[in-house]
Amino acid sequence: MSTRFLHHFFEPRSAAVFGASEKPESLGGLVLGNLQEGGFRGKLWAVNLRGYETVFGVDCVRTVDELPEVPDLAVVCSPIEGVPKLIKKLGKFGVKAALVLSGGVYLDRDEDNKGSIRQRMLQAARESGIRVLGPECMGLIVPGKKLNASYASQPVKAGRVAYLGQSGMLANAMIDWAAGRDVGFSHLITVGDSVDVLLPDLIDYVNQFSPAQAILLHLERVTDAQHFMTSVRDASRNRLVVAIKSGRTPQSDISSMPPTPGIANRDVVFDAAFARAGVVRVNDSDEMLDALETLSRMKPLHGDRLAIVSNGLGPAMLAIDKLISAGGKLAEFSPDTQAALHKSQVDMSKPGENPVDLGGNATPERFVEALQIVTADPNVDAVLVVHAPTRLAPSQVTAQALIDHRKTFKRNLLTSWMGLKEALNARHVCNLAGIPTYTSPEKAVKAFMHMVDYQRVQALLHEIPPSLPFSTSPEIRAECRALIKQAKEQGRQTLTHSETAQVLEAYGIPTATSAYVHSPEEALVVAERFPGPKALKVVHEGNCRPYRYRKHPHKISAGL
């Protein structure tokens, strides 16, 4: 669709909550309470057929027609069976935005051949002109606008990260994690099983109107690939976009999409698409939370060179192993930095080299001195501090020393406070100070690589493929048209493998040298024309056009 009327969701001057009551289990009651506690500045009404006078002190009416004026936003928490009719009434009443939190197992049930609830909701939205976000969404939160139209369990702080997802429960977990880390959001929105407003619409809106510096996406499925790719490409030109995609295996894929011809692993397509669109992909929920830690606290990187300062060589080596295996780069200190490290005698192992080992007798003051030297190096883009607790350098005391001197550090700082009991307090004070902190050196390196990957995918985003010096001729085009005409005359809608290869080659797209045979004897004869290793694939022309193979347990690719 588009961003039409979406501002009514995110900047409403008035709202009505349908299905709100004071019962403890009332979804509408939870939403109404969150709107009040969040400090919503606009007019507020409750709507409930039971005819309450008020709900939590908010005036209540029985039906849409009894509302004293047209609300900008309708939050629907009433039973799902009646939602299609309600949407139609809301649209005719003049409401422009309906946020549907209701859901259930009946969404896809077709009643009396009138279509499923989901289909009837979409039809009602189209006929009445109202925009619908949901059903089965958690709601939406815009902390900067004092808007919390959700059933979230706790308030959300305003910040610079926009979270757009398809899972309400994952969003709830994100909210709780962020509260513990003092991380804020500009927008926090889930679409659920949305029938009208889709994720690309929200990406477009946030990209145009949000103060967010980063967008964090959670995807379960993509229904409009073209719109999705356009929206994320546009967004990633202006801000950092990080995505996590579930449904990577056949068992967890709920997209209901048929297998893609020619693609044995659809997830590879997402990898390529994300990279080409300038999106950083993370692979699990731990990475997602660490990415959020990085996004919300670090300044943009200008390179991929990491320096490591630690009070022990062992922890530093773990970080280096992770860095190199992830494709990162260990910074090489400049001569001035090497000389300063030699002179200060803070490095106990190999003075002047990276990592800087402060030794087991390091003090908080030694950490500060080493960081002031290393962060001044123009060959360093970020510094990772790895700390193990000692009597001379307790975790919290050392963390506080870094916080007190942070303005003297000229590069991005990441910290890893190893351990649990002592390390908890150090992580807490770093969280409050806005310094990225991680439970292990490996996680810290992974977070650093998210920022590096962002630089790399941005290069792909702006890359223009070179023009091919190849051009077709009228004769070549005529031959291709003849192939297609022949296929149509034979009643076919697709070309065979060999025909497809001919067309691709005719237009300058190289294909693997191949031959199509019909017997083992033919295969032996043809094989002599191909030097080196060869692959044998079984092609079923009736079921497999043009290229789709599935890996067989015996390493033979069988066409399906």
Protein backbone atom coordinates (compact mmCIF):
# COMPACT_ATOMS: atom_id res chain seq x y z
CA MET A 1 0.00 0.00 0.00
CA SER A 2 1.53 3.32 1.11
CA THR A 3 2.03 5.68 4.05
CA ARG A 4 -1.45 7.17 3.46
CA PHE A 5 -3.15 8.03 6.78
CA LEU A 6 -0.34 6.38 8.80
CA HIS A 7 0.24 9.58 10.78
CA HIS A 8 -3.12 8.87 12.47
CA PHE A 9 -1.49 5.79 14.06
CA PHE A 10 1.59 7.58 15.35
CA GLU A 11 0.40 11.13 16.04
CA PRO A 12 -3.27 10.78 17.06
CA ARG A 13 -5.01 13.69 18.74
CA SER A 14 -7.73 11.36 20.02
CA ALA A 15 -8.23 7.62 20.48
CA ALA A 16 -11.03 5.17 21.26
CA VAL A 17 -10.35 1.73 22.76
CA PHE A 18 -12.93 -0.90 21.78
CA GLY A 19 -13.51 -3.79 24.17
CA ALA A 20 -12.05 -1.99 27.20
CA SER A 21 -13.24 -2.97 30.66
CA GLU A 22 -11.90 -3.05 34.21
CA LYS A 23 -11.70 -6.84 34.29
CA PRO A 24 -8.12 -7.97 35.07
CA GLU A 25 -7.92 -10.08 31.90
CA SER A 26 -9.32 -7.37 29.60
CA LEU A 27 -6.93 -6.66 26.73
CA GLY A 28 -8.66 -3.35 26.11
CA GLY A 29 -8.28 -2.46 29.77
CA LEU A 30 -4.52 -3.07 29.56
CA VAL A 31 -4.24 -0.83 26.51
CA LEU A 32 -6.33 1.90 28.12
CA GLY A 33 -4.14 1.75 31.23
CA ASN A 34 -0.96 2.01 29.16
CA LEU A 35 -2.34 5.01 27.26
CA GLN A 36 -3.09 6.75 30.56
CA GLU A 37 0.18 5.81 32.26
CA GLY A 38 2.15 6.80 29.16
CA GLY A 39 0.77 10.33 29.42
CA PHE A 40 -1.31 10.36 26.21
CA ARG A 41 -2.17 14.02 25.63
CA GLY A 42 -5.24 13.61 23.41
CA LYS A 43 -8.89 12.82 24.05
CA LEU A 44 -9.64 9.27 25.13
CA TRP A 45 -12.79 7.14 25.07
CA ALA A 46 -13.66 3.55 25.93
CA VAL A 47 -16.21 1.64 23.84
CA ASN A 48 -17.97 -1.43 25.24
CA LEU A 49 -21.38 -2.92 24.42
CA ARG A 50 -21.99 -3.58 28.13
CA GLY A 51 -22.64 0.12 28.56
CA TYR A 52 -20.23 1.08 31.36
CA GLU A 53 -20.32 4.74 32.35
CA THR A 54 -16.55 4.87 32.70
CA VAL A 55 -13.58 2.51 32.42
CA PHE A 56 -10.64 3.47 34.64
CA GLY A 57 -12.05 6.98 34.78
CA VAL A 58 -12.42 7.28 30.99
CA ASP A 59 -15.87 8.01 29.53
CA CYS A 60 -17.38 4.90 27.95
CA VAL A 61 -19.97 4.56 25.17
CA ARG A 62 -21.64 1.45 23.75
CA THR A 63 -21.10 1.83 19.99
CA VAL A 64 -19.19 3.75 17.34
CA ASP A 65 -22.18 6.00 16.63
CA GLU A 66 -22.29 7.18 20.26
CA LEU A 67 -18.77 8.63 20.17
CA PRO A 68 -18.93 12.43 20.61
CA GLU A 69 -16.48 12.97 17.74
CA VAL A 70 -14.45 11.01 15.21
CA PRO A 71 -11.26 9.68 16.87
CA ASP A 72 -7.99 9.73 14.93
CA LEU A 73 -7.17 6.21 16.13
CA ALA A 74 -9.37 3.24 16.99
CA VAL A 75 -7.71 0.52 19.08
CA VAL A 76 -9.71 -2.69 18.62
CA CYS A 77 -9.55 -5.30 21.39
CA SER A 78 -13.05 -6.75 20.99
CA PRO A 79 -13.76 -10.39 19.93
CA ILE A 80 -12.30 -11.10 16.51
CA GLU A 81 -15.53 -12.46 14.99
CA GLY A 82 -17.09 -9.00 14.91
CA VAL A 83 -14.02 -7.07 13.79
CA PRO A 84 -14.75 -6.98 10.00
CA LYS A 85 -18.14 -5.32 10.60
CA LEU A 86 -16.59 -2.97 13.15
CA ILE A 87 -13.90 -1.89 10.68
CA LYS A 88 -16.57 -1.09 8.10
CA LYS A 89 -18.50 0.98 10.67
CA LEU A 90 -15.34 2.81 11.72
CA GLY A 91 -14.51 3.66 8.12
CA LYS A 92 -18.01 5.00 7.45
CA PHE A 93 -17.84 7.01 10.70
CA GLY A 94 -14.72 8.73 9.36
CA VAL A 95 -11.98 6.99 11.37
CA LYS A 96 -8.75 6.79 9.35
CA ALA A 97 -6.71 4.30 11.41
CA ALA A 98 -7.65 1.07 13.22
CA LEU A 99 -5.13 -0.79 15.36
CA VAL A 100 -6.41 -4.36 15.80
CA LEU A 101 -4.94 -6.31 18.71
CA SER A 102 -7.63 -9.00 18.63
CA GLY A 103 -6.77 -12.35 17.08
CA GLY A 104 -7.28 -16.07 17.36
CA VAL A 105 -7.58 -19.38 15.58
CA TYR A 106 -10.61 -18.28 13.56
CA LEU A 107 -8.77 -15.75 11.39
CA ASP A 108 -8.59 -18.09 8.40
CA ARG A 109 -11.93 -19.84 8.87
CA ASP A 110 -14.31 -19.26 5.94
CA GLU A 111 -17.90 -18.75 7.10
CA ASP A 112 -20.80 -19.21 4.64
CA ASN A 113 -18.45 -18.72 1.67
CA LYS A 114 -18.00 -15.06 2.61
CA GLY A 115 -14.26 -15.39 3.03
CA SER A 116 -12.08 -15.66 6.12
CA ILE A 117 -12.08 -13.02 8.83
CA ARG A 118 -8.75 -11.80 7.52
CA GLN A 119 -10.13 -11.46 3.98
CA ARG A 120 -13.28 -9.71 5.20
CA MET A 121 -11.20 -7.30 7.28
CA LEU A 122 -9.17 -6.33 4.23
CA GLN A 123 -12.30 -5.97 2.10
CA ALA A 124 -13.90 -3.72 4.73
CA ALA A 125 -10.76 -1.60 4.89
CA ARG A 126 -10.61 -1.21 1.12
CA GLU A 127 -14.31 -0.33 0.80
CA SER A 128 -14.34 2.22 3.63
CA GLY A 129 -10.89 3.75 3.13
CA ILE A 130 -9.65 3.08 6.67
CA ARG A 131 -6.09 1.82 7.28
CA VAL A 132 -5.79 -1.31 9.45
CA LEU A 133 -2.73 -2.43 11.42
CA GLY A 134 -3.21 -5.97 12.72
CA PRO A 135 -4.86 -8.30 13.69
CA GLU A 136 -2.90 -10.10 16.41
CA CYS A 137 -0.40 -7.32 16.91
CA MET A 138 1.00 -6.14 20.24
CA GLY A 139 0.22 -2.55 19.36
CA LEU A 140 2.51 0.41 18.89
CA ILE A 141 4.59 2.65 21.14
CA VAL A 142 5.98 6.10 20.29
CA PRO A 143 7.64 7.29 23.52
CA GLY A 144 8.48 10.74 22.16
CA LYS A 145 4.77 11.37 21.51
CA LYS A 146 3.64 9.93 24.88
CA LEU A 147 1.80 7.19 22.97
CA ASN A 148 1.63 3.64 24.31
CA ALA A 149 -1.25 1.90 22.51
CA SER A 150 -0.15 -1.63 23.40
CA TYR A 151 -0.39 -4.34 26.03
CA ALA A 152 3.33 -4.04 26.86
CA SER A 153 4.14 -4.93 30.45
CA GLN A 154 6.24 -1.83 31.18
CA PRO A 155 6.91 1.68 29.87
CA VAL A 156 9.43 2.35 27.12
CA LYS A 157 12.05 5.07 27.21
CA ALA A 158 12.47 7.47 24.27
CA GLY A 159 15.57 6.78 22.18
CA ARG A 160 17.12 6.61 18.72
CA VAL A 161 16.24 3.06 17.63
CA ALA A 162 13.04 2.06 15.82
CA TYR A 163 11.94 -1.57 16.27
CA LEU A 164 9.58 -2.93 13.61
CA GLY A 165 8.62 -6.57 13.96
CA GLN A 166 6.09 -9.28 13.22
CA SER A 167 6.05 -10.89 16.69
CA GLY A 168 4.42 -9.28 19.70
CA MET A 169 6.11 -11.58 22.22
CA LEU A 170 9.55 -10.88 20.79
CA ALA A 171 8.78 -7.17 21.10
CA ASN A 172 7.79 -7.69 24.76
CA ALA A 173 11.11 -9.42 25.40
CA MET A 174 12.88 -6.55 23.64
CA ILE A 175 11.12 -4.02 25.87
CA ASP A 176 12.15 -5.85 29.05
CA TRP A 177 15.75 -6.18 27.85
CA ALA A 178 15.89 -2.51 26.90
CA ALA A 179 14.51 -1.47 30.30
CA GLY A 180 17.34 -3.35 32.00
CA ARG A 181 19.91 -1.65 29.77
CA ASP A 182 18.39 1.84 29.84
CA VAL A 183 17.97 1.72 26.05
CA GLY A 184 15.24 3.75 24.37
CA PHE A 185 13.17 3.59 21.19
CA SER A 186 11.77 6.17 18.80
CA HIS A 187 9.11 3.70 17.62
CA LEU A 188 8.23 0.17 18.68
CA ILE A 189 5.67 -1.42 16.36
CA THR A 190 4.50 -4.96 15.60
CA VAL A 191 2.32 -5.84 12.63
CA GLY A 192 1.18 -9.31 13.72
CA ASP A 193 -0.87 -10.85 10.90
CA SER A 194 -1.57 -7.46 9.40
CA VAL A 195 -3.93 -7.48 6.44
CA ASP A 196 -3.45 -3.89 5.28
CA VAL A 197 -0.54 -1.94 6.76
CA LEU A 198 2.50 -4.10 6.11
CA LEU A 199 6.09 -3.95 7.29
CA PRO A 200 7.35 -2.08 4.18
CA ASP A 201 4.70 0.62 4.79
CA LEU A 202 6.03 1.09 8.33
CA ILE A 203 9.64 1.15 7.12
CA ASP A 204 8.70 3.89 4.64
CA TYR A 205 6.94 5.90 7.34
CA VAL A 206 9.77 5.62 9.88
CA ASN A 207 12.30 6.47 7.19
CA GLN A 208 10.39 9.64 6.28
CA PHE A 209 9.23 10.90 9.65
CA SER A 210 11.16 9.27 12.52
CA PRO A 211 14.18 10.72 14.36
CA ALA A 212 15.58 7.18 14.62
CA GLN A 213 19.23 6.71 13.69
CA ALA A 214 18.81 2.95 13.38
CA ILE A 215 16.02 0.53 12.46
CA LEU A 216 15.87 -2.99 13.89
CA LEU A 217 13.66 -5.39 11.88
CA HIS A 218 12.26 -8.77 12.85
CA LEU A 219 10.86 -10.75 9.91
CA GLU A 220 8.92 -13.99 9.83
CA ARG A 221 7.76 -13.67 6.23
CA VAL A 222 7.88 -11.25 3.31
CA THR A 223 4.66 -11.03 1.30
CA ASP A 224 5.59 -8.25 -1.14
CA ALA A 225 9.25 -8.69 -1.99
CA GLN A 226 9.45 -5.76 -4.39
CA HIS A 227 7.93 -3.27 -1.93
CA PHE A 228 10.04 -4.67 0.90
CA MET A 229 13.31 -4.34 -1.04
CA THR A 230 12.45 -0.82 -2.16
CA SER A 231 11.63 0.29 1.39
CA VAL A 232 14.72 -1.19 3.06
CA ARG A 233 17.02 0.14 0.32
CA ASP A 234 15.62 3.64 0.81
CA ALA A 235 15.84 3.36 4.61
CA SER A 236 19.41 2.07 4.65
CA ARG A 237 20.58 5.07 2.62
CA ASN A 238 19.66 7.30 5.56
CA ARG A 239 20.18 5.17 8.67
CA LEU A 240 21.55 1.86 9.90
CA VAL A 241 19.15 -1.06 9.29
CA VAL A 242 19.64 -4.39 11.08
CA ALA A 243 17.41 -7.41 10.41
CA ILE A 244 16.79 -10.82 11.93
CA LYS A 245 14.82 -13.39 9.92
CA SER A 246 13.13 -16.41 11.47
CA GLY A 247 11.74 -19.29 9.44
CA ARG A 248 15.15 -20.26 8.12
CA THR A 249 14.34 -23.96 8.08
CA PRO A 250 11.39 -25.79 6.49
CA GLN A 251 10.11 -26.67 9.97
CA SER A 252 10.00 -23.02 11.13
CA ASP A 253 8.90 -21.40 7.86
CA ILE A 254 5.33 -20.14 8.30
CA SER A 255 5.24 -18.10 5.11
CA SER A 256 3.15 -20.77 3.30
CA MET A 257 5.04 -19.88 0.14
CA PRO A 258 5.81 -22.67 -2.33
CA PRO A 259 9.46 -23.66 -2.86
CA THR A 260 11.27 -21.31 -5.20
CA PRO A 261 12.36 -22.98 -8.45
CA GLY A 262 16.13 -23.18 -8.60
CA ILE A 263 16.63 -22.34 -4.92
CA ALA A 264 17.40 -25.25 -2.60
CA ASN A 265 17.91 -22.87 0.36
CA ARG A 266 15.70 -19.77 0.26
CA ASP A 267 17.62 -18.26 3.18
CA VAL A 268 20.59 -17.70 0.88
CA VAL A 269 18.37 -15.38 -1.15
CA PHE A 270 17.65 -13.32 1.97
CA ASP A 271 21.38 -13.07 2.70
CA ALA A 272 22.04 -11.70 -0.77
CA ALA A 273 18.99 -9.41 -0.72
CA PHE A 274 19.85 -7.92 2.67
CA ALA A 275 23.46 -7.29 1.64
CA ARG A 276 22.44 -5.68 -1.65
CA ALA A 277 19.94 -3.46 0.17
CA GLY A 278 22.54 -2.24 2.66
CA VAL A 279 21.01 -4.17 5.58
CA VAL A 280 23.08 -5.85 8.31
CA ARG A 281 21.74 -9.31 9.10
CA VAL A 282 21.98 -10.96 12.52
CA ASN A 283 21.32 -14.65 12.97
CA ASP A 284 19.93 -15.15 16.49
CA SER A 285 18.22 -13.32 19.33
CA ASP A 286 21.47 -12.90 21.30
CA GLU A 287 23.02 -11.18 18.30
CA MET A 288 19.92 -9.05 17.91
CA LEU A 289 20.14 -7.79 21.49
CA ASP A 290 23.88 -7.21 21.19
CA ALA A 291 23.24 -5.36 17.94
CA LEU A 292 20.71 -3.16 19.74
CA GLU A 293 23.30 -2.48 22.44
CA THR A 294 25.75 -1.37 19.77
CA LEU A 295 23.28 0.61 17.68
CA SER A 296 21.93 2.58 20.60
CA ARG A 297 25.29 3.55 22.07
CA MET A 298 28.08 3.64 19.47
CA LYS A 299 28.90 6.46 17.09
CA PRO A 300 29.31 5.52 13.41
CA LEU A 301 32.59 3.79 12.58
CA HIS A 302 35.01 5.17 10.00
CA GLY A 303 36.93 1.93 9.52
CA ASP A 304 37.28 -1.71 10.58
CA ARG A 305 40.46 -1.63 12.70
CA LEU A 306 40.04 -2.81 16.29
CA ALA A 307 42.49 -2.37 19.16
CA ILE A 308 42.24 -4.50 22.30
CA VAL A 309 43.26 -3.47 25.81
CA SER A 310 43.09 -6.18 28.48
CA ASN A 311 44.52 -7.09 31.87
CA GLY A 312 45.46 -10.52 30.58
CA LEU A 313 46.68 -12.02 27.33
CA GLY A 314 44.33 -15.03 27.46
CA PRO A 315 41.05 -13.06 27.25
CA ALA A 316 42.58 -10.81 24.58
CA MET A 317 43.46 -13.85 22.45
CA LEU A 318 39.83 -15.01 22.57
CA ALA A 319 38.79 -11.65 21.18
CA ILE A 320 41.42 -11.77 18.43
CA ASP A 321 40.38 -15.28 17.34
CA LYS A 322 36.78 -14.15 17.03
CA LEU A 323 37.77 -10.97 15.20
CA ILE A 324 39.87 -12.71 12.56
CA SER A 325 37.39 -15.57 12.03
CA ALA A 326 34.62 -12.99 11.51
CA GLY A 327 36.63 -11.18 8.85
CA GLY A 328 37.73 -8.28 11.03
CA LYS A 329 41.05 -6.49 11.18
CA LEU A 330 43.42 -6.07 14.13
CA ALA A 331 44.72 -2.49 14.20
CA GLU A 332 48.45 -1.89 13.69
CA PHE A 333 49.67 0.89 15.97
CA SER A 334 51.45 3.92 14.55
CA PRO A 335 55.11 4.58 15.49
CA ASP A 336 53.98 7.36 17.86
CA THR A 337 51.62 5.00 19.68
CA GLN A 338 54.28 2.30 19.90
CA ALA A 339 56.73 4.80 21.37
CA ALA A 340 54.16 6.06 23.88
CA LEU A 341 53.35 2.51 25.02
CA HIS A 342 57.07 1.75 25.45
CA LYS A 343 57.60 4.93 27.43
CA SER A 344 54.60 4.47 29.71
CA GLN A 345 55.46 0.83 30.46
CA VAL A 346 51.77 -0.09 30.69
CA ASP A 347 52.11 -3.05 28.29
CA MET A 348 53.42 -6.14 30.06
CA SER A 349 53.76 -8.60 27.14
CA LYS A 350 54.87 -7.08 23.83
CA PRO A 351 55.05 -3.32 24.27
CA GLY A 352 53.88 -1.44 21.22
CA GLU A 353 51.86 -4.31 19.77
CA ASN A 354 48.14 -5.01 19.61
CA PRO A 355 46.68 -6.32 21.94
CA VAL A 356 47.85 -4.21 24.86
CA ASP A 357 48.33 -6.54 27.84
CA LEU A 358 48.22 -4.53 31.07
CA GLY A 359 49.03 -7.57 33.19
CA GLY A 360 47.45 -9.08 36.27
CA ASN A 361 48.70 -6.21 38.45
CA ALA A 362 46.96 -3.57 36.34
CA THR A 363 45.13 -0.79 38.18
CA PRO A 364 42.19 1.31 36.99
CA GLU A 365 44.66 4.15 36.42
CA ARG A 366 46.72 1.95 34.09
CA PHE A 367 43.59 1.14 32.05
CA VAL A 368 42.87 4.86 31.66
CA GLU A 369 46.46 5.68 30.66
CA ALA A 370 46.60 2.90 28.07
CA LEU A 371 43.25 3.91 26.58
CA GLN A 372 44.27 7.54 26.28
CA ILE A 373 47.30 6.45 24.25
CA VAL A 374 45.55 3.88 22.05
CA THR A 375 42.43 5.93 21.28
CA ALA A 376 44.61 8.78 19.98
CA ASP A 377 46.04 6.53 17.25
CA PRO A 378 44.74 7.42 13.75
CA ASN A 379 45.17 3.75 12.77
CA VAL A 380 42.53 2.68 15.32
CA ASP A 381 38.78 2.87 14.66
CA ALA A 382 37.49 1.35 17.91
CA VAL A 383 38.90 -0.08 21.14
CA LEU A 384 37.69 -3.12 23.05
CA VAL A 385 38.41 -3.23 26.78
CA VAL A 386 38.50 -6.78 28.16
CA HIS A 387 38.60 -6.96 31.95
CA ALA A 388 38.82 -9.84 34.40
CA PRO A 389 38.31 -8.87 38.09
CA THR A 390 41.38 -8.63 40.36
CA ARG A 391 42.02 -7.12 43.81
CA LEU A 392 43.99 -4.28 42.25
CA ALA A 393 41.34 -3.58 39.59
CA PRO A 394 37.85 -4.44 40.84
CA SER A 395 35.32 -4.45 38.01
CA GLN A 396 33.07 -1.61 39.17
CA VAL A 397 35.96 0.64 40.24
CA THR A 398 37.67 0.14 36.87
CA ALA A 399 34.43 0.77 34.99
CA GLN A 400 33.86 4.00 36.93
CA ALA A 401 37.40 5.15 36.10
CA LEU A 402 36.69 4.67 32.38
CA ILE A 403 33.40 6.54 32.70
CA ASP A 404 35.07 9.45 34.51
CA HIS A 405 37.68 9.81 31.74
CA ARG A 406 35.54 8.86 28.74
CA LYS A 407 35.75 12.35 27.23
CA THR A 408 39.50 11.90 26.86
CA PHE A 409 39.04 8.77 24.74
CA LYS A 410 38.90 9.74 21.06
CA ARG A 411 37.50 6.51 19.63
CA ASN A 412 34.46 4.28 20.06
CA LEU A 413 34.79 2.19 23.19
CA LEU A 414 33.38 -1.31 23.73
CA THR A 415 33.73 -3.15 27.04
CA SER A 416 33.59 -6.76 28.16
CA TRP A 417 33.46 -7.26 31.93
CA MET A 418 34.15 -10.97 32.32
CA GLY A 419 32.65 -12.91 35.19
CA LEU A 420 29.29 -12.60 36.91
CA LYS A 421 29.15 -11.40 40.52
CA GLU A 422 31.60 -8.48 40.28
CA ALA A 423 31.01 -7.91 36.58
CA LEU A 424 27.27 -7.22 37.03
CA ASN A 425 27.88 -3.90 38.78
CA ALA A 426 30.44 -2.86 36.17
CA ARG A 427 28.01 -3.61 33.35
CA HIS A 428 25.29 -1.71 35.16
CA VAL A 429 27.28 1.52 35.52
CA CYS A 430 28.42 1.26 31.89
CA ASN A 431 24.80 0.84 30.81
CA LEU A 432 23.83 3.96 32.72
CA ALA A 433 26.73 5.84 31.15
CA GLY A 434 25.82 4.71 27.63
CA ILE A 435 28.98 2.65 27.05
CA PRO A 436 28.38 -0.60 25.11
CA THR A 437 29.09 -3.58 27.34
CA TYR A 438 29.02 -7.34 26.70
CA THR A 439 29.29 -10.50 28.75
CA SER A 440 32.21 -11.95 26.78
CA PRO A 441 35.00 -10.76 24.46
CA GLU A 442 33.50 -12.80 21.63
CA LYS A 443 30.13 -11.05 21.92
CA ALA A 444 31.84 -7.68 21.97
CA VAL A 445 33.73 -8.52 18.79
CA LYS A 446 30.51 -9.72 17.15
CA ALA A 447 28.90 -6.40 17.98
CA PHE A 448 31.86 -4.53 16.52
CA MET A 449 31.55 -6.60 13.35
CA HIS A 450 27.90 -5.54 13.03
CA MET A 451 29.13 -2.00 12.57
CA VAL A 452 31.83 -3.15 10.16
CA ASP A 453 29.30 -5.17 8.18
CA TYR A 454 27.19 -2.04 7.94
CA GLN A 455 30.05 -0.23 6.21
CA ARG A 456 30.48 -3.13 3.82
CA VAL A 457 26.82 -3.52 2.86
CA GLN A 458 26.59 0.23 2.39
CA ALA A 459 29.27 -0.11 -0.26
CA LEU A 460 27.14 -2.78 -1.96
CA LEU A 461 24.09 -0.54 -1.73
CA HIS A 462 25.79 2.23 -3.69
CA GLU A 463 27.55 -0.10 -6.10
CA ILE A 464 26.47 0.19 -9.73
CA PRO A 465 26.96 -3.02 -11.74
CA PRO A 466 29.25 -2.47 -14.74
CA SER A 467 27.68 -2.30 -18.16
CA LEU A 468 28.21 -5.41 -20.24
CA PRO A 469 29.84 -4.85 -23.63
CA PHE A 470 27.46 -7.43 -25.10
CA SER A 471 24.61 -6.51 -27.44
CA THR A 472 22.09 -8.68 -29.22
CA SER A 473 21.38 -8.71 -32.92
CA PRO A 474 18.06 -9.03 -34.79
CA GLU A 475 19.06 -12.57 -35.76
CA ILE A 476 19.67 -13.60 -32.13
CA ARG A 477 16.38 -12.11 -30.98
CA ALA A 478 14.55 -13.88 -33.81
CA GLU A 479 16.05 -17.25 -32.77
CA CYS A 480 14.93 -16.72 -29.18
CA ARG A 481 11.42 -15.73 -30.25
CA ALA A 482 11.28 -18.87 -32.41
CA LEU A 483 12.17 -21.04 -29.38
CA ILE A 484 9.44 -19.42 -27.30
CA LYS A 485 6.90 -19.68 -30.13
CA GLN A 486 7.70 -23.38 -30.53
CA ALA A 487 7.16 -23.98 -26.81
CA LYS A 488 3.78 -22.23 -26.93
CA GLU A 489 2.71 -24.24 -29.98
CA GLN A 490 3.50 -27.40 -28.00
CA GLY A 491 1.21 -26.21 -25.20
CA ARG A 492 4.05 -25.42 -22.80
CA GLN A 493 4.23 -22.38 -20.52
CA THR A 494 7.94 -22.73 -19.75
CA LEU A 495 11.11 -23.50 -21.62
CA THR A 496 13.10 -26.67 -21.06
CA HIS A 497 16.54 -26.58 -19.45
CA SER A 498 18.38 -26.72 -22.75
CA GLU A 499 16.16 -24.04 -24.31
CA THR A 500 16.60 -21.77 -21.32
CA ALA A 501 20.37 -22.12 -21.56
CA GLN A 502 20.23 -21.13 -25.24
CA VAL A 503 18.24 -17.97 -24.48
CA LEU A 504 20.53 -16.94 -21.62
CA GLU A 505 23.65 -17.46 -23.73
CA ALA A 506 22.06 -15.55 -26.61
CA TYR A 507 21.71 -12.49 -24.38
CA GLY A 508 25.23 -12.68 -22.99
CA ILE A 509 24.47 -14.40 -19.69
CA PRO A 510 26.99 -17.23 -19.30
CA THR A 511 25.79 -20.65 -18.19
CA ALA A 512 27.75 -23.71 -17.16
CA THR A 513 28.82 -25.83 -20.10
CA SER A 514 26.39 -28.73 -20.21
CA ALA A 515 24.82 -31.39 -22.36
CA TYR A 516 21.46 -33.14 -22.04
CA VAL A 517 21.54 -36.89 -22.64
CA HIS A 518 18.96 -39.66 -22.45
CA SER A 519 21.01 -42.80 -21.72
CA PRO A 520 24.16 -43.90 -19.87
CA GLU A 521 25.81 -44.60 -23.23
CA GLU A 522 25.22 -41.03 -24.40
CA ALA A 523 26.59 -39.74 -21.10
CA LEU A 524 29.87 -41.65 -21.57
CA VAL A 525 30.33 -40.26 -25.06
CA VAL A 526 29.54 -36.65 -24.07
CA ALA A 527 31.71 -36.80 -20.93
CA GLU A 528 34.84 -37.04 -23.07
CA ARG A 529 34.18 -33.47 -24.28
CA PHE A 530 34.38 -32.06 -20.73
CA PRO A 531 37.85 -32.10 -19.15
CA GLY A 532 38.18 -32.19 -15.37
CA PRO A 533 35.54 -33.01 -12.72
CA LYS A 534 31.95 -33.39 -13.90
CA ALA A 535 28.54 -33.34 -12.19
CA LEU A 536 25.64 -35.58 -13.17
CA LYS A 537 22.14 -34.26 -12.49
CA VAL A 538 18.82 -35.93 -13.12
CA VAL A 539 16.34 -33.60 -14.83
CA HIS A 540 12.62 -34.27 -14.93
CA GLU A 541 11.46 -31.91 -17.65
CA GLY A 542 7.81 -32.38 -16.75
CA ASN A 543 8.15 -31.26 -13.15
CA CYS A 544 11.27 -29.14 -13.12
CA ARG A 545 11.52 -26.00 -15.20
CA PRO A 546 13.86 -24.38 -15.61
CA TYR A 547 16.25 -25.03 -12.68
CA ARG A 548 15.31 -26.61 -9.40
CA TYR A 549 17.31 -29.30 -7.62
CA ARG A 550 17.16 -30.74 -4.15
CA LYS A 551 20.17 -32.32 -2.48
CA HIS A 552 19.85 -36.09 -2.38
CA PRO A 553 21.30 -38.07 0.57
CA HIS A 554 23.65 -39.82 -1.84
CA LYS A 555 25.04 -36.51 -3.14
CA ILE A 556 23.17 -36.82 -6.42
CA SER A 557 21.05 -33.81 -7.35
CA ALA A 558 17.60 -35.03 -8.29
CA GLY A 559 15.29 -32.73 -10.22
CA LEU A 560 11.78 -32.53 -8.80
